[in-house]
Amino acid sequence: MTTLTMTEQRTREEIAAHIRRTILLEAEIAGSGHYGPSFSCVELLVALYHGFLRVDADDADRLERDRLVLSKGHACSALYAVLADLGFFAPQELRTYTRLGTAFGDHPDMKKVSGMDFSSGALGHGLSIAAGMALHARMRGDDARSVAIIGDGELNEGQIWEAVGFAGANSLSGLLAIVDVNTVCVDGTTRDVLDYEPIGDKWGAFGWAVERIDGHDLEAIDGALARFAQRHAEGGAPTVIVADTVAGKGVPPIEGKAEWHIGYLGGADLESALNTVSTEGGTR
């Protein structure tokens, strides 16, 4: 197996390619992977952890840190890859991904993984947790930000909308929700299963500031994050970024296909995928 480790002086596009390669190799270890939802949020995670979130691998538990809640926890192979790359733990530890006794399950355990702020399982809970974190920061009197990444299929969960209402009513300016609109879920397309468009209008009706962007455009993500930070500094509404993404982004044969929400790329397919993401974003 190819061993992937941290390198210096990379562009964020190269970092994104590195994260996609690591996701592919994690799936090879497990015998399957959530390629669709993991690949769709790579640029979002890269933008957050390379230039926005105030976190430190050497002081991972600092109370005043920003927090990231990966509510769509089945995409954790992407977040594991980001945290390993930043030095929260040794990248070699990911060789145990999903194996018996590992710290790195198919959903994350915050008690076992450094840098992880939320343990997931059943979907729909993350925004409520992030809202509580934002409220706690405000009660402490510091300016820590709380970010929740939510899948568009996860909007089917009623608890999401309870948290949307609570955060809007309480003007939790330090709360940022990012809805990863890759348009597919485990049961098919979100349009066919339960269509929540126009998503931004619904959140806006609860008093949120709404941004809609291309979720693979790093500059667009940076701009939306900067505007959220400014709103938080001024006080007021929470922010939602509705990020239009592509499930399986980076591997054309699986892009946008609901059947690749979870699957297995092995053998020649894996080699082809590794070469594709390397060519598009960096060197293998």
C-alpha atoms as a PDB file:
ATOM      1  CA  MET A   1       0.000   0.000   0.000  1.00  0.00           C
ATOM      2  CA  THR A   2       1.120   3.539  -0.744  1.00  0.00           C
ATOM      3  CA  THR A   3       2.076   5.395   2.437  1.00  0.00           C
ATOM      4  CA  LEU A   4       0.890   9.005   2.565  1.00  0.00           C
ATOM      5  CA  THR A   5       2.529  11.459   4.927  1.00  0.00           C
ATOM      6  CA  MET A   6       2.597  15.206   5.461  1.00  0.00           C
ATOM      7  CA  THR A   7       4.593  17.380   3.087  1.00  0.00           C
ATOM      8  CA  GLU A   8       5.357  21.061   3.272  1.00  0.00           C
ATOM      9  CA  GLN A   9       4.675  23.998   0.955  1.00  0.00           C
ATOM     10  CA  ARG A  10       1.679  22.532  -0.838  1.00  0.00           C
ATOM     11  CA  THR A  11      -1.172  24.364  -2.432  1.00  0.00           C
ATOM     12  CA  ARG A  12      -4.605  23.703  -0.995  1.00  0.00           C
ATOM     13  CA  GLU A  13      -5.501  21.946  -4.253  1.00  0.00           C
ATOM     14  CA  GLU A  14      -2.605  19.562  -3.640  1.00  0.00           C
ATOM     15  CA  ILE A  15      -3.778  19.080  -0.059  1.00  0.00           C
ATOM     16  CA  ALA A  16      -7.271  18.229  -1.334  1.00  0.00           C
ATOM     17  CA  ALA A  17      -5.773  15.666  -3.720  1.00  0.00           C
ATOM     18  CA  HIS A  18      -3.794  14.184  -0.826  1.00  0.00           C
ATOM     19  CA  ILE A  19      -6.962  13.904   1.256  1.00  0.00           C
ATOM     20  CA  ARG A  20      -8.796  12.127  -1.586  1.00  0.00           C
ATOM     21  CA  ARG A  21      -5.933   9.636  -1.986  1.00  0.00           C
ATOM     22  CA  THR A  22      -6.002   8.938   1.740  1.00  0.00           C
ATOM     23  CA  ILE A  23      -9.774   8.347   1.615  1.00  0.00           C
ATOM     24  CA  LEU A  24      -9.261   5.846  -1.217  1.00  0.00           C
ATOM     25  CA  LEU A  25      -6.612   4.008   0.785  1.00  0.00           C
ATOM     26  CA  GLU A  26      -8.755   3.964   3.926  1.00  0.00           C
ATOM     27  CA  ALA A  27     -11.551   2.367   1.890  1.00  0.00           C
ATOM     28  CA  GLU A  28      -9.094  -0.213   0.568  1.00  0.00           C
ATOM     29  CA  ILE A  29      -8.282  -1.193   4.158  1.00  0.00           C
ATOM     30  CA  ALA A  30     -11.958  -1.407   5.122  1.00  0.00           C
ATOM     31  CA  GLY A  31     -13.097  -3.188   1.964  1.00  0.00           C
ATOM     32  CA  SER A  32     -15.608  -0.428   1.235  1.00  0.00           C
ATOM     33  CA  GLY A  33     -15.978   3.302   1.671  1.00  0.00           C
ATOM     34  CA  HIS A  34     -18.369   6.227   1.677  1.00  0.00           C
ATOM     35  CA  TYR A  35     -16.785   7.722  -1.420  1.00  0.00           C
ATOM     36  CA  GLY A  36     -19.713   9.940  -2.388  1.00  0.00           C
ATOM     37  CA  PRO A  37     -20.215  11.888   0.853  1.00  0.00           C
ATOM     38  CA  SER A  38     -16.510  11.914   1.762  1.00  0.00           C
ATOM     39  CA  PHE A  39     -15.263  13.303  -1.554  1.00  0.00           C
ATOM     40  CA  SER A  40     -18.013  15.923  -1.726  1.00  0.00           C
ATOM     41  CA  CYS A  41     -16.829  17.712   1.423  1.00  0.00           C
ATOM     42  CA  VAL A  42     -13.055  17.645   0.860  1.00  0.00           C
ATOM     43  CA  GLU A  43     -12.676  21.282  -0.235  1.00  0.00           C
ATOM     44  CA  LEU A  44     -14.942  22.405   2.601  1.00  0.00           C
ATOM     45  CA  LEU A  45     -12.711  20.660   5.137  1.00  0.00           C
ATOM     46  CA  VAL A  46      -9.506  21.914   3.518  1.00  0.00           C
ATOM     47  CA  ALA A  47     -10.743  25.522   3.572  1.00  0.00           C
ATOM     48  CA  LEU A  48     -11.857  25.202   7.193  1.00  0.00           C
ATOM     49  CA  TYR A  49      -8.664  23.624   8.516  1.00  0.00           C
ATOM     50  CA  HIS A  50      -6.212  25.554   6.335  1.00  0.00           C
ATOM     51  CA  GLY A  51      -6.928  29.180   7.089  1.00  0.00           C
ATOM     52  CA  PHE A  52     -10.091  29.458   9.169  1.00  0.00           C
ATOM     53  CA  LEU A  53     -10.552  27.213  12.209  1.00  0.00           C
ATOM     54  CA  ARG A  54      -8.497  28.208  15.222  1.00  0.00           C
ATOM     55  CA  VAL A  55      -7.330  24.780  16.316  1.00  0.00           C
ATOM     56  CA  ASP A  56      -3.919  23.446  17.265  1.00  0.00           C
ATOM     57  CA  ALA A  57      -2.728  19.845  17.150  1.00  0.00           C
ATOM     58  CA  ASP A  58      -0.362  20.609  20.051  1.00  0.00           C
ATOM     59  CA  ASP A  59      -3.213  21.928  22.228  1.00  0.00           C
ATOM     60  CA  ALA A  60      -6.162  20.004  20.871  1.00  0.00           C
ATOM     61  CA  ASP A  61      -8.340  20.343  23.979  1.00  0.00           C
ATOM     62  CA  ARG A  62      -7.991  24.100  24.536  1.00  0.00           C
ATOM     63  CA  LEU A  63     -11.364  25.330  25.803  1.00  0.00           C
ATOM     64  CA  GLU A  64     -11.453  28.481  23.671  1.00  0.00           C
ATOM     65  CA  ARG A  65     -10.781  26.660  20.373  1.00  0.00           C
ATOM     66  CA  ASP A  66     -13.149  26.654  17.429  1.00  0.00           C
ATOM     67  CA  ARG A  67     -15.070  23.411  16.998  1.00  0.00           C
ATOM     68  CA  LEU A  68     -16.053  21.297  14.019  1.00  0.00           C
ATOM     69  CA  VAL A  69     -19.029  18.946  14.290  1.00  0.00           C
ATOM     70  CA  LEU A  70     -19.154  16.465  11.428  1.00  0.00           C
ATOM     71  CA  SER A  71     -22.838  15.702  11.666  1.00  0.00           C
ATOM     72  CA  LYS A  72     -22.645  13.598   8.479  1.00  0.00           C
ATOM     73  CA  GLY A  73     -20.318  11.283  10.375  1.00  0.00           C
ATOM     74  CA  HIS A  74     -20.192   8.614   7.665  1.00  0.00           C
ATOM     75  CA  ALA A  75     -17.804  11.000   5.839  1.00  0.00           C
ATOM     76  CA  CYS A  76     -15.288  10.687   8.685  1.00  0.00           C
ATOM     77  CA  SER A  77     -12.612   9.132   6.461  1.00  0.00           C
ATOM     78  CA  ALA A  78     -12.197  12.632   4.982  1.00  0.00           C
ATOM     79  CA  LEU A  79     -11.896  14.303   8.389  1.00  0.00           C
ATOM     80  CA  TYR A  80      -9.520  11.596   9.664  1.00  0.00           C
ATOM     81  CA  ALA A  81      -7.302  12.306   6.661  1.00  0.00           C
ATOM     82  CA  VAL A  82      -7.308  16.060   7.365  1.00  0.00           C
ATOM     83  CA  LEU A  83      -6.528  15.629  11.065  1.00  0.00           C
ATOM     84  CA  ALA A  84      -3.728  13.138  10.355  1.00  0.00           C
ATOM     85  CA  ASP A  85      -2.237  15.475   7.781  1.00  0.00           C
ATOM     86  CA  LEU A  86      -2.217  18.303  10.340  1.00  0.00           C
ATOM     87  CA  GLY A  87      -0.468  16.194  12.972  1.00  0.00           C
ATOM     88  CA  PHE A  88      -3.289  15.504  15.415  1.00  0.00           C
ATOM     89  CA  PHE A  89      -2.103  11.885  15.223  1.00  0.00           C
ATOM     90  CA  ALA A  90       0.392   9.949  13.112  1.00  0.00           C
ATOM     91  CA  PRO A  91      -0.858   9.264   9.563  1.00  0.00           C
ATOM     92  CA  GLN A  92       0.313   5.658   9.951  1.00  0.00           C
ATOM     93  CA  GLU A  93      -2.431   5.124  12.523  1.00  0.00           C
ATOM     94  CA  LEU A  94      -4.984   5.200   9.717  1.00  0.00           C
ATOM     95  CA  ARG A  95      -3.646   1.834   8.543  1.00  0.00           C
ATOM     96  CA  THR A  96      -5.913   0.388  11.268  1.00  0.00           C
ATOM     97  CA  TYR A  97      -9.060   2.098   9.895  1.00  0.00           C
ATOM     98  CA  THR A  98     -12.148   0.015  10.862  1.00  0.00           C
ATOM     99  CA  ARG A  99      -9.980  -2.905  12.028  1.00  0.00           C
ATOM    100  CA  LEU A 100     -10.668  -4.650  15.341  1.00  0.00           C
ATOM    101  CA  GLY A 101      -9.511  -2.483  18.252  1.00  0.00           C
ATOM    102  CA  THR A 102      -8.869   0.632  16.158  1.00  0.00           C
ATOM    103  CA  ALA A 103      -9.621   4.178  17.287  1.00  0.00           C
ATOM    104  CA  PHE A 104     -10.851   4.939  13.753  1.00  0.00           C
ATOM    105  CA  GLY A 105     -14.307   3.529  13.174  1.00  0.00           C
ATOM    106  CA  ASP A 106     -16.716   4.079  10.296  1.00  0.00           C
ATOM    107  CA  HIS A 107     -18.205   6.791  12.512  1.00  0.00           C
ATOM    108  CA  PRO A 108     -15.854   8.826  14.738  1.00  0.00           C
ATOM    109  CA  ASP A 109     -15.409   8.546  18.504  1.00  0.00           C
ATOM    110  CA  MET A 110     -14.283  11.852  19.999  1.00  0.00           C
ATOM    111  CA  LYS A 111     -12.911  10.071  23.059  1.00  0.00           C
ATOM    112  CA  LYS A 112     -10.453   8.125  20.915  1.00  0.00           C
ATOM    113  CA  VAL A 113      -9.463  10.500  18.099  1.00  0.00           C
ATOM    114  CA  SER A 114      -7.504  13.689  18.817  1.00  0.00           C
ATOM    115  CA  GLY A 115      -9.069  16.732  17.166  1.00  0.00           C
ATOM    116  CA  MET A 116     -12.504  15.167  16.853  1.00  0.00           C
ATOM    117  CA  ASP A 117     -15.218  17.239  18.576  1.00  0.00           C
ATOM    118  CA  PHE A 118     -18.250  14.982  18.062  1.00  0.00           C
ATOM    119  CA  SER A 119     -19.066  11.279  18.161  1.00  0.00           C
ATOM    120  CA  SER A 120     -21.618  10.398  15.524  1.00  0.00           C
ATOM    121  CA  GLY A 121     -23.774   7.405  14.647  1.00  0.00           C
ATOM    122  CA  ALA A 122     -27.427   8.046  13.916  1.00  0.00           C
ATOM    123  CA  LEU A 123     -27.637  11.211  11.829  1.00  0.00           C
ATOM    124  CA  GLY A 124     -29.448  14.430  12.653  1.00  0.00           C
ATOM    125  CA  HIS A 125     -27.893  15.325  16.004  1.00  0.00           C
ATOM    126  CA  GLY A 126     -24.876  17.405  15.032  1.00  0.00           C
ATOM    127  CA  LEU A 127     -26.502  20.795  14.574  1.00  0.00           C
ATOM    128  CA  SER A 128     -28.060  20.603  18.040  1.00  0.00           C
ATOM    129  CA  ILE A 129     -24.646  19.810  19.521  1.00  0.00           C
ATOM    130  CA  ALA A 130     -22.986  22.656  17.618  1.00  0.00           C
ATOM    131  CA  ALA A 131     -25.722  25.051  18.742  1.00  0.00           C
ATOM    132  CA  GLY A 132     -25.027  24.066  22.345  1.00  0.00           C
ATOM    133  CA  MET A 133     -21.321  24.671  21.800  1.00  0.00           C
ATOM    134  CA  ALA A 134     -22.039  28.117  20.364  1.00  0.00           C
ATOM    135  CA  LEU A 135     -24.329  28.978  23.254  1.00  0.00           C
ATOM    136  CA  HIS A 136     -21.702  27.816  25.753  1.00  0.00           C
ATOM    137  CA  ALA A 137     -19.040  29.977  24.080  1.00  0.00           C
ATOM    138  CA  ARG A 138     -21.320  32.989  24.338  1.00  0.00           C
ATOM    139  CA  MET A 139     -21.962  32.262  28.014  1.00  0.00           C
ATOM    140  CA  ARG A 140     -18.184  32.009  28.581  1.00  0.00           C
ATOM    141  CA  GLY A 141     -17.715  35.360  26.900  1.00  0.00           C
ATOM    142  CA  ASP A 142     -15.241  34.237  24.233  1.00  0.00           C
ATOM    143  CA  ASP A 143     -15.487  34.384  20.463  1.00  0.00           C
ATOM    144  CA  ALA A 144     -15.049  30.676  19.636  1.00  0.00           C
ATOM    145  CA  ARG A 145     -16.937  29.576  16.525  1.00  0.00           C
ATOM    146  CA  SER A 146     -18.845  26.298  16.138  1.00  0.00           C
ATOM    147  CA  VAL A 147     -19.246  24.738  12.697  1.00  0.00           C
ATOM    148  CA  ALA A 148     -21.558  21.857  11.792  1.00  0.00           C
ATOM    149  CA  ILE A 149     -21.270  20.064   8.449  1.00  0.00           C
ATOM    150  CA  ILE A 150     -24.607  18.502   7.524  1.00  0.00           C
ATOM    151  CA  GLY A 151     -25.598  16.335   4.586  1.00  0.00           C
ATOM    152  CA  ASP A 152     -28.535  17.415   2.451  1.00  0.00           C
ATOM    153  CA  GLY A 153     -30.081  13.975   2.989  1.00  0.00           C
ATOM    154  CA  GLU A 154     -29.712  14.613   6.721  1.00  0.00           C
ATOM    155  CA  LEU A 155     -32.238  17.443   6.427  1.00  0.00           C
ATOM    156  CA  ASN A 156     -34.871  14.684   6.558  1.00  0.00           C
ATOM    157  CA  GLU A 157     -34.217  14.442  10.298  1.00  0.00           C
ATOM    158  CA  GLY A 158     -36.649  16.514  12.349  1.00  0.00           C
ATOM    159  CA  GLN A 159     -34.078  17.356  15.005  1.00  0.00           C
ATOM    160  CA  ILE A 160     -32.166  19.383  12.410  1.00  0.00           C
ATOM    161  CA  TRP A 161     -35.111  21.746  12.057  1.00  0.00           C
ATOM    162  CA  GLU A 162     -35.587  22.042  15.826  1.00  0.00           C
ATOM    163  CA  ALA A 163     -31.958  23.178  16.050  1.00  0.00           C
ATOM    164  CA  VAL A 164     -32.415  25.574  13.115  1.00  0.00           C
ATOM    165  CA  GLY A 165     -35.325  27.192  14.942  1.00  0.00           C
ATOM    166  CA  PHE A 166     -33.525  27.335  18.282  1.00  0.00           C
ATOM    167  CA  ALA A 167     -30.364  28.889  16.872  1.00  0.00           C
ATOM    168  CA  GLY A 168     -32.259  31.492  14.882  1.00  0.00           C
ATOM    169  CA  ALA A 169     -34.475  32.451  17.818  1.00  0.00           C
ATOM    170  CA  ASN A 170     -31.426  32.823  20.069  1.00  0.00           C
ATOM    171  CA  SER A 171     -29.272  34.732  17.546  1.00  0.00           C
ATOM    172  CA  LEU A 172     -26.333  32.345  17.872  1.00  0.00           C
ATOM    173  CA  SER A 173     -23.969  34.369  15.713  1.00  0.00           C
ATOM    174  CA  GLY A 174     -21.066  32.030  16.503  1.00  0.00           C
ATOM    175  CA  LEU A 175     -22.808  29.095  14.843  1.00  0.00           C
ATOM    176  CA  LEU A 176     -22.112  28.152  11.239  1.00  0.00           C
ATOM    177  CA  ALA A 177     -23.967  25.345   9.498  1.00  0.00           C
ATOM    178  CA  ILE A 178     -22.651  24.044   6.185  1.00  0.00           C
ATOM    179  CA  VAL A 179     -25.122  21.967   4.201  1.00  0.00           C
ATOM    180  CA  ASP A 180     -23.236  19.697   1.802  1.00  0.00           C
ATOM    181  CA  VAL A 181     -25.711  19.592  -1.093  1.00  0.00           C
ATOM    182  CA  ASN A 182     -24.325  16.680  -3.103  1.00  0.00           C
ATOM    183  CA  THR A 183     -27.927  15.745  -4.071  1.00  0.00           C
ATOM    184  CA  VAL A 184     -27.657  12.041  -3.217  1.00  0.00           C
ATOM    185  CA  CYS A 185     -28.258   9.923  -0.142  1.00  0.00           C
ATOM    186  CA  VAL A 186     -28.253   6.233   0.690  1.00  0.00           C
ATOM    187  CA  ASP A 187     -31.782   5.763  -0.731  1.00  0.00           C
ATOM    188  CA  GLY A 188     -31.230   7.611  -4.018  1.00  0.00           C
ATOM    189  CA  THR A 189     -31.305  11.252  -5.049  1.00  0.00           C
ATOM    190  CA  THR A 190     -32.494  13.784  -2.486  1.00  0.00           C
ATOM    191  CA  ARG A 191     -34.840  15.159  -5.135  1.00  0.00           C
ATOM    192  CA  ASP A 192     -36.646  11.821  -5.332  1.00  0.00           C
ATOM    193  CA  VAL A 193     -36.492  10.869  -1.650  1.00  0.00           C
ATOM    194  CA  LEU A 194     -37.500  14.189  -0.026  1.00  0.00           C
ATOM    195  CA  ASP A 195     -36.808  17.458  -1.801  1.00  0.00           C
ATOM    196  CA  TYR A 196     -36.007  20.370   0.545  1.00  0.00           C
ATOM    197  CA  GLU A 197     -35.191  22.933  -2.124  1.00  0.00           C
ATOM    198  CA  PRO A 198     -35.051  25.868  -1.937  1.00  0.00           C
ATOM    199  CA  ILE A 199     -32.924  25.061   1.109  1.00  0.00           C
ATOM    200  CA  GLY A 200     -31.689  28.602   1.711  1.00  0.00           C
ATOM    201  CA  ASP A 201     -35.193  30.060   1.805  1.00  0.00           C
ATOM    202  CA  LYS A 202     -36.214  27.618   4.521  1.00  0.00           C
ATOM    203  CA  TRP A 203     -33.241  28.431   6.756  1.00  0.00           C
ATOM    204  CA  GLY A 204     -33.689  32.134   6.085  1.00  0.00           C
ATOM    205  CA  ALA A 205     -37.275  31.897   7.311  1.00  0.00           C
ATOM    206  CA  PHE A 206     -35.868  30.861  10.699  1.00  0.00           C
ATOM    207  CA  GLY A 207     -33.717  33.983  10.887  1.00  0.00           C
ATOM    208  CA  TRP A 208     -30.415  32.649   9.525  1.00  0.00           C
ATOM    209  CA  ALA A 209     -28.051  34.534   7.235  1.00  0.00           C
ATOM    210  CA  VAL A 210     -27.790  32.451   4.062  1.00  0.00           C
ATOM    211  CA  GLU A 211     -24.886  31.974   1.651  1.00  0.00           C
ATOM    212  CA  ARG A 212     -25.068  29.704  -1.414  1.00  0.00           C
ATOM    213  CA  ILE A 213     -21.785  28.797  -3.084  1.00  0.00           C
ATOM    214  CA  ASP A 214     -19.913  26.223  -5.141  1.00  0.00           C
ATOM    215  CA  GLY A 215     -18.658  23.884  -2.426  1.00  0.00           C
ATOM    216  CA  HIS A 216     -15.565  22.915  -4.439  1.00  0.00           C
ATOM    217  CA  ASP A 217     -14.422  26.503  -5.092  1.00  0.00           C
ATOM    218  CA  LEU A 218     -11.898  27.276  -2.369  1.00  0.00           C
ATOM    219  CA  GLU A 219     -12.037  31.036  -2.929  1.00  0.00           C
ATOM    220  CA  ALA A 220     -15.837  31.024  -2.733  1.00  0.00           C
ATOM    221  CA  ILE A 221     -15.653  29.020   0.498  1.00  0.00           C
ATOM    222  CA  ASP A 222     -13.072  31.458   1.914  1.00  0.00           C
ATOM    223  CA  GLY A 223     -15.340  34.402   1.134  1.00  0.00           C
ATOM    224  CA  ALA A 224     -18.372  32.826   2.787  1.00  0.00           C
ATOM    225  CA  LEU A 225     -16.315  31.924   5.873  1.00  0.00           C
ATOM    226  CA  ALA A 226     -14.967  35.471   6.112  1.00  0.00           C
ATOM    227  CA  ARG A 227     -18.470  36.931   5.930  1.00  0.00           C
ATOM    228  CA  PHE A 228     -19.617  34.540   8.673  1.00  0.00           C
ATOM    229  CA  ALA A 229     -16.695  35.650  10.860  1.00  0.00           C
ATOM    230  CA  GLN A 230     -17.646  39.283  10.310  1.00  0.00           C
ATOM    231  CA  ARG A 231     -21.274  38.633  11.243  1.00  0.00           C
ATOM    232  CA  HIS A 232     -20.145  36.837  14.380  1.00  0.00           C
ATOM    233  CA  ALA A 233     -17.924  39.778  15.340  1.00  0.00           C
ATOM    234  CA  GLU A 234     -20.874  42.132  14.937  1.00  0.00           C
ATOM    235  CA  GLY A 235     -23.382  39.808  16.651  1.00  0.00           C
ATOM    236  CA  GLY A 236     -26.709  38.697  15.272  1.00  0.00           C
ATOM    237  CA  ALA A 237     -27.913  35.790  13.208  1.00  0.00           C
ATOM    238  CA  PRO A 238     -26.299  32.385  12.780  1.00  0.00           C
ATOM    239  CA  THR A 239     -25.054  31.595   9.272  1.00  0.00           C
ATOM    240  CA  VAL A 240     -25.755  28.711   6.923  1.00  0.00           C
ATOM    241  CA  ILE A 241     -23.609  28.023   3.867  1.00  0.00           C
ATOM    242  CA  VAL A 242     -25.543  26.006   1.321  1.00  0.00           C
ATOM    243  CA  ALA A 243     -22.664  24.375  -0.564  1.00  0.00           C
ATOM    244  CA  ASP A 244     -23.449  22.856  -3.947  1.00  0.00           C
ATOM    245  CA  THR A 245     -21.139  19.873  -4.359  1.00  0.00           C
ATOM    246  CA  VAL A 246     -20.723  16.693  -6.376  1.00  0.00           C
ATOM    247  CA  ALA A 247     -20.871  13.306  -4.699  1.00  0.00           C
ATOM    248  CA  GLY A 248     -17.679  11.396  -5.450  1.00  0.00           C
ATOM    249  CA  LYS A 249     -15.964  14.580  -6.698  1.00  0.00           C
ATOM    250  CA  GLY A 250     -12.573  13.835  -8.234  1.00  0.00           C
ATOM    251  CA  VAL A 251     -13.269  10.361  -9.622  1.00  0.00           C
ATOM    252  CA  PRO A 252     -15.401  10.891 -12.768  1.00  0.00           C
ATOM    253  CA  PRO A 253     -16.814   7.338 -13.083  1.00  0.00           C
ATOM    254  CA  ILE A 254     -18.560   7.662  -9.703  1.00  0.00           C
ATOM    255  CA  GLU A 255     -19.343  11.390  -9.618  1.00  0.00           C
ATOM    256  CA  GLY A 256     -22.952  12.247  -8.836  1.00  0.00           C
ATOM    257  CA  LYS A 257     -24.074   8.629  -8.661  1.00  0.00           C
ATOM    258  CA  ALA A 258     -26.265   7.585  -5.738  1.00  0.00           C
ATOM    259  CA  GLU A 259     -25.087   3.978  -6.029  1.00  0.00           C
ATOM    260  CA  TRP A 260     -21.609   5.177  -5.019  1.00  0.00           C
ATOM    261  CA  HIS A 261     -22.771   6.688  -1.736  1.00  0.00           C
ATOM    262  CA  ILE A 262     -20.948   3.636  -0.409  1.00  0.00           C
ATOM    263  CA  GLY A 263     -19.064   1.045  -2.424  1.00  0.00           C
ATOM    264  CA  TYR A 264     -15.670  -0.428  -3.198  1.00  0.00           C
ATOM    265  CA  LEU A 265     -13.023   0.558  -5.717  1.00  0.00           C
ATOM    266  CA  GLY A 266     -10.386  -2.147  -5.867  1.00  0.00           C
ATOM    267  CA  GLY A 267      -7.645  -3.384  -8.161  1.00  0.00           C
ATOM    268  CA  ALA A 268      -7.376  -1.512 -11.431  1.00  0.00           C
ATOM    269  CA  ASP A 269     -10.292   0.755 -10.442  1.00  0.00           C
ATOM    270  CA  LEU A 270      -8.429   1.873  -7.326  1.00  0.00           C
ATOM    271  CA  GLU A 271      -5.228   2.512  -9.254  1.00  0.00           C
ATOM    272  CA  SER A 272      -7.151   4.511 -11.841  1.00  0.00           C
ATOM    273  CA  ALA A 273      -8.850   6.575  -9.121  1.00  0.00           C
ATOM    274  CA  LEU A 274      -5.530   7.232  -7.354  1.00  0.00           C
ATOM    275  CA  ASN A 275      -3.947   8.366 -10.612  1.00  0.00           C
ATOM    276  CA  THR A 276      -6.960  10.574 -11.427  1.00  0.00           C
ATOM    277  CA  VAL A 277      -6.963  12.498  -8.152  1.00  0.00           C
ATOM    278  CA  SER A 278      -3.162  12.825  -8.342  1.00  0.00           C
ATOM    279  CA  THR A 279      -3.315  14.264 -11.852  1.00  0.00           C
ATOM    280  CA  GLU A 280      -6.056  16.715 -10.930  1.00  0.00           C
ATOM    281  CA  GLY A 281      -4.608  18.048  -7.716  1.00  0.00           C
ATOM    282  CA  GLY A 282      -1.005  17.151  -7.071  1.00  0.00           C
ATOM    283  CA  THR A 283       1.577  14.379  -7.119  1.00  0.00           C
ATOM    284  CA  ARG A 284       1.283  10.860  -5.832  1.00  0.00           C
END
